[in-house]
């Protein structure tokens, strides 16, 4: 075996060793990423539930306020229209 063939074999062995080490390092990183993803999914679900709860409370509040205003002066308030527009992200 010539010097160059021996050197190529050594370098190929070193590349294989580095590849194995890199794969071993990647496993903990993947586990951390999966764990973080699960935490983010839980946060997302919690926030969606909170938004739903707040929208429902806003609906009830706008209806109660509109009822009180219409009962007092006989006119319907534009509050319900403004609230519905705000829920859709529109300006009223």
N, C-alpha and C. Protein backbone atom coordinates (compact mmCIF):
# COMPACT_ATOMS: atom_id res chain seq x y z
N UNK A 1 0.85 -1.16 0.00
CA UNK A 1 0.00 0.00 0.00
C UNK A 1 0.91 1.24 0.00
N UNK A 2 0.62 2.16 -0.88
CA UNK A 2 1.46 3.35 -0.99
C UNK A 2 1.11 4.35 0.12
N UNK A 3 1.96 5.34 0.24
CA UNK A 3 1.75 6.38 1.25
C UNK A 3 0.39 7.06 1.05
N UNK A 4 0.06 7.38 -0.19
CA UNK A 4 -1.19 8.10 -0.48
C UNK A 4 -2.42 7.23 -0.20
N UNK A 5 -2.34 5.97 -0.54
CA UNK A 5 -3.47 5.07 -0.26
C UNK A 5 -3.69 4.94 1.25
N UNK A 6 -2.57 4.86 1.99
CA UNK A 6 -2.65 4.77 3.44
C UNK A 6 -3.24 6.06 4.02
N UNK A 7 -2.80 7.19 3.50
CA UNK A 7 -3.30 8.49 3.98
C UNK A 7 -4.79 8.65 3.67
N UNK A 8 -5.23 8.24 2.49
CA UNK A 8 -6.64 8.29 2.12
C UNK A 8 -7.47 7.43 3.05
N UNK A 9 -6.98 6.24 3.37
CA UNK A 9 -7.69 5.34 4.28
C UNK A 9 -7.80 5.97 5.68
N UNK A 10 -6.72 6.61 6.14
CA UNK A 10 -6.76 7.28 7.44
C UNK A 10 -7.78 8.42 7.45
N UNK A 11 -7.79 9.20 6.38
CA UNK A 11 -8.72 10.32 6.29
C UNK A 11 -10.17 9.84 6.20
N UNK A 12 -10.41 8.77 5.47
CA UNK A 12 -11.76 8.21 5.38
C UNK A 12 -12.22 7.70 6.74
N UNK A 13 -11.32 7.09 7.50
CA UNK A 13 -11.65 6.62 8.84
C UNK A 13 -11.97 7.80 9.76
N UNK A 14 -11.20 8.86 9.62
CA UNK A 14 -11.43 10.06 10.43
C UNK A 14 -12.78 10.70 10.09
N UNK A 15 -13.12 10.76 8.81
CA UNK A 15 -14.41 11.31 8.38
C UNK A 15 -15.55 10.46 8.95
N UNK A 16 -15.41 9.16 8.91
CA UNK A 16 -16.44 8.28 9.46
C UNK A 16 -16.59 8.48 10.96
N UNK A 17 -15.47 8.64 11.67
CA UNK A 17 -15.51 8.88 13.11
C UNK A 17 -16.21 10.20 13.42
N UNK A 18 -15.87 11.25 12.69
CA UNK A 18 -16.51 12.55 12.90
C UNK A 18 -18.01 12.49 12.60
N UNK A 19 -18.37 11.74 11.58
CA UNK A 19 -19.79 11.60 11.24
C UNK A 19 -20.54 10.90 12.38
N UNK A 20 -19.94 9.87 12.96
CA UNK A 20 -20.57 9.17 14.10
C UNK A 20 -20.74 10.13 15.29
N UNK A 21 -19.69 10.89 15.58
CA UNK A 21 -19.76 11.84 16.68
C UNK A 21 -20.85 12.89 16.44
N UNK A 22 -20.96 13.35 15.22
CA UNK A 22 -21.96 14.35 14.88
C UNK A 22 -23.38 13.81 15.05
N UNK A 23 -23.59 12.55 14.65
CA UNK A 23 -24.90 11.92 14.83
C UNK A 23 -25.25 11.80 16.31
N UNK A 24 -24.26 11.48 17.15
CA UNK A 24 -24.50 11.36 18.58
C UNK A 24 -24.86 12.71 19.18
N UNK A 25 -24.26 13.78 18.69
CA UNK A 25 -24.58 15.13 19.18
C UNK A 25 -25.97 15.55 18.73
N UNK A 26 -26.38 15.09 17.57
CA UNK A 26 -27.67 15.51 17.02
C UNK A 26 -28.85 14.93 17.79
N UNK A 27 -28.68 13.76 18.37
CA UNK A 27 -29.78 13.11 19.08
C UNK A 27 -30.29 13.95 20.24
N UNK A 28 -29.42 14.48 21.14
CA UNK A 28 -29.93 15.33 22.22
C UNK A 28 -30.58 16.62 21.70
N UNK A 29 -30.05 17.17 20.62
CA UNK A 29 -30.61 18.38 20.05
C UNK A 29 -32.02 18.11 19.53
N UNK A 30 -32.22 16.99 18.86
CA UNK A 30 -33.55 16.64 18.36
C UNK A 30 -34.53 16.47 19.52
N UNK A 31 -34.07 15.84 20.59
CA UNK A 31 -34.94 15.65 21.76
C UNK A 31 -35.34 17.00 22.36
N UNK A 32 -34.38 17.93 22.44
CA UNK A 32 -34.68 19.26 22.97
C UNK A 32 -35.66 19.98 22.05
N UNK A 33 -35.48 19.84 20.76
CA UNK A 33 -36.39 20.50 19.81
C UNK A 33 -37.80 19.94 19.94
N UNK A 34 -37.91 18.63 20.05
CA UNK A 34 -39.23 18.01 20.21
C UNK A 34 -39.90 18.44 21.51
N UNK A 35 -39.10 18.54 22.57
CA UNK A 35 -39.63 18.98 23.85
C UNK A 35 -40.12 20.42 23.76
N UNK A 36 -39.33 21.26 23.13
CA UNK A 36 -39.71 22.68 22.97
C UNK A 36 -40.96 22.81 22.09
N UNK A 37 -41.05 21.97 21.07
CA UNK A 37 -42.22 21.97 20.20
C UNK A 37 -43.48 21.62 20.99
N UNK A 38 -43.36 20.63 21.87
CA UNK A 38 -44.51 20.23 22.69
C UNK A 38 -44.93 21.36 23.62
N UNK A 39 -43.96 22.07 24.20
CA UNK A 39 -44.27 23.20 25.07
C UNK A 39 -44.97 24.30 24.27
N UNK A 40 -44.48 24.56 23.07
CA UNK A 40 -45.09 25.60 22.23
C UNK A 40 -46.51 25.21 21.82
N UNK A 41 -46.74 23.94 21.53
CA UNK A 41 -48.08 23.47 21.19
C UNK A 41 -49.03 23.68 22.38
N UNK A 42 -48.56 23.37 23.58
CA UNK A 42 -49.38 23.55 24.77
C UNK A 42 -49.69 25.03 25.00
N UNK A 43 -48.68 25.89 24.81
CA UNK A 43 -48.89 27.33 24.94
C UNK A 43 -49.90 27.82 23.91
N UNK A 44 -49.78 27.34 22.69
CA UNK A 44 -50.69 27.74 21.62
C UNK A 44 -52.12 27.34 21.96
N UNK A 45 -52.31 26.13 22.44
CA UNK A 45 -53.65 25.68 22.82
C UNK A 45 -54.21 26.52 23.96
N UNK A 46 -53.37 26.82 24.94
CA UNK A 46 -53.80 27.64 26.07
C UNK A 46 -54.21 29.04 25.60
N UNK A 47 -53.42 29.63 24.72
CA UNK A 47 -53.72 30.97 24.22
C UNK A 47 -54.99 30.99 23.37
N UNK A 48 -55.19 29.95 22.56
CA UNK A 48 -56.42 29.88 21.77
C UNK A 48 -57.64 29.81 22.68
N UNK A 49 -57.55 29.02 23.75
CA UNK A 49 -58.67 28.91 24.69
C UNK A 49 -58.91 30.25 25.39
N UNK A 50 -57.83 30.96 25.71
CA UNK A 50 -57.98 32.26 26.36
C UNK A 50 -58.63 33.28 25.42
N UNK A 51 -58.25 33.27 24.15
CA UNK A 51 -58.85 34.16 23.17
C UNK A 51 -60.34 33.86 23.03
N UNK A 52 -60.68 32.59 22.97
CA UNK A 52 -62.08 32.20 22.86
C UNK A 52 -62.88 32.67 24.07
N UNK A 53 -62.30 32.49 25.25
CA UNK A 53 -62.97 32.90 26.49
C UNK A 53 -63.15 34.43 26.52
N UNK A 54 -62.12 35.17 26.10
CA UNK A 54 -62.21 36.63 26.10
C UNK A 54 -63.22 37.14 25.07
N UNK A 55 -63.27 36.49 23.91
CA UNK A 55 -64.25 36.89 22.90
C UNK A 55 -65.68 36.66 23.41
N UNK A 56 -65.88 35.54 24.08
CA UNK A 56 -67.20 35.25 24.63
C UNK A 56 -67.58 36.29 25.68
N UNK A 57 -66.63 36.64 26.53
CA UNK A 57 -66.89 37.66 27.56
C UNK A 57 -67.17 39.01 26.90
N UNK A 58 -66.44 39.34 25.84
CA UNK A 58 -66.68 40.59 25.12
C UNK A 58 -68.06 40.61 24.47
N UNK A 59 -68.45 39.47 23.92
CA UNK A 59 -69.80 39.37 23.32
C UNK A 59 -70.87 39.64 24.38
N UNK A 60 -70.73 38.99 25.51
CA UNK A 60 -71.72 39.16 26.58
C UNK A 60 -71.74 40.59 27.10
N UNK A 61 -70.57 41.19 27.25
CA UNK A 61 -70.49 42.56 27.73
C UNK A 61 -71.11 43.54 26.74
N UNK A 62 -70.82 43.36 25.45
CA UNK A 62 -71.38 44.28 24.45
C UNK A 62 -72.89 44.16 24.39
N UNK A 63 -73.41 42.94 24.48
CA UNK A 63 -74.87 42.77 24.47
C UNK A 63 -75.50 43.38 25.72
N UNK A 64 -74.88 43.19 26.87
CA UNK A 64 -75.43 43.76 28.11
C UNK A 64 -75.42 45.28 28.05
N UNK A 65 -74.33 45.85 27.56
CA UNK A 65 -74.23 47.30 27.46
C UNK A 65 -75.25 47.83 26.45
N UNK A 66 -75.36 47.19 25.29
CA UNK A 66 -76.31 47.62 24.27
C UNK A 66 -77.74 47.54 24.80
N UNK A 67 -78.04 46.49 25.57
CA UNK A 67 -79.38 46.35 26.14
C UNK A 67 -79.65 47.49 27.13
N UNK A 68 -78.66 47.80 27.97
CA UNK A 68 -78.83 48.87 28.97
C UNK A 68 -79.02 50.21 28.28
N UNK A 69 -78.26 50.49 27.24
CA UNK A 69 -78.37 51.77 26.53
C UNK A 69 -79.70 51.86 25.81
N UNK A 70 -80.12 50.80 25.13
CA UNK A 70 -81.38 50.85 24.39
C UNK A 70 -82.57 50.96 25.33
N UNK A 71 -82.44 50.38 26.50
CA UNK A 71 -83.52 50.46 27.48
C UNK A 71 -83.64 51.88 28.04
N UNK A 72 -82.48 52.54 28.19
CA UNK A 72 -82.48 53.89 28.78
C UNK A 72 -82.98 54.95 27.81
N UNK A 73 -82.49 54.94 26.56
CA UNK A 73 -82.86 56.02 25.64
C UNK A 73 -83.64 55.56 24.42
N UNK A 74 -83.93 54.29 24.33
CA UNK A 74 -84.74 53.79 23.23
C UNK A 74 -84.00 53.60 21.92
N UNK A 75 -82.68 53.87 21.88
CA UNK A 75 -81.90 53.69 20.65
C UNK A 75 -80.94 52.51 20.84
N UNK A 76 -80.69 51.83 19.72
CA UNK A 76 -79.74 50.72 19.78
C UNK A 76 -78.32 51.28 19.62
N UNK A 77 -77.44 50.82 20.42
CA UNK A 77 -76.06 51.29 20.38
C UNK A 77 -75.30 50.65 19.22
N UNK A 78 -74.35 51.38 18.69
CA UNK A 78 -73.49 50.84 17.64
C UNK A 78 -72.37 49.99 18.22
N UNK A 79 -72.41 49.76 19.52
CA UNK A 79 -71.35 49.01 20.19
C UNK A 79 -71.23 47.59 19.65
N UNK A 80 -72.34 46.93 19.39
CA UNK A 80 -72.29 45.55 18.91
C UNK A 80 -71.63 45.49 17.54
N UNK A 81 -71.97 46.43 16.66
CA UNK A 81 -71.33 46.46 15.34
C UNK A 81 -69.84 46.72 15.47
N UNK A 82 -69.47 47.64 16.35
CA UNK A 82 -68.04 47.96 16.56
C UNK A 82 -67.31 46.75 17.14
N UNK A 83 -67.92 46.06 18.08
CA UNK A 83 -67.29 44.88 18.68
C UNK A 83 -67.09 43.78 17.64
N UNK A 84 -68.13 43.52 16.82
CA UNK A 84 -68.00 42.50 15.79
C UNK A 84 -66.92 42.86 14.77
N UNK A 85 -66.81 44.13 14.44
CA UNK A 85 -65.75 44.57 13.52
C UNK A 85 -64.38 44.37 14.16
N UNK A 86 -64.27 44.70 15.44
CA UNK A 86 -62.99 44.55 16.14
C UNK A 86 -62.57 43.09 16.22
N UNK A 87 -63.54 42.19 16.40
CA UNK A 87 -63.19 40.77 16.46
C UNK A 87 -62.61 40.29 15.14
N UNK A 88 -63.04 40.91 14.03
CA UNK A 88 -62.52 40.54 12.72
C UNK A 88 -61.27 41.32 12.34
N UNK A 89 -60.82 42.20 13.24
CA UNK A 89 -59.61 42.96 12.99
C UNK A 89 -59.86 44.21 12.15
N UNK A 90 -61.10 44.65 12.06
CA UNK A 90 -61.44 45.84 11.27
C UNK A 90 -61.60 47.05 12.19
N UNK A 91 -61.42 48.21 11.60
CA UNK A 91 -61.69 49.45 12.32
C UNK A 91 -63.17 49.76 12.20
N UNK A 92 -63.75 50.30 13.24
CA UNK A 92 -65.18 50.64 13.17
C UNK A 92 -65.36 52.12 12.89
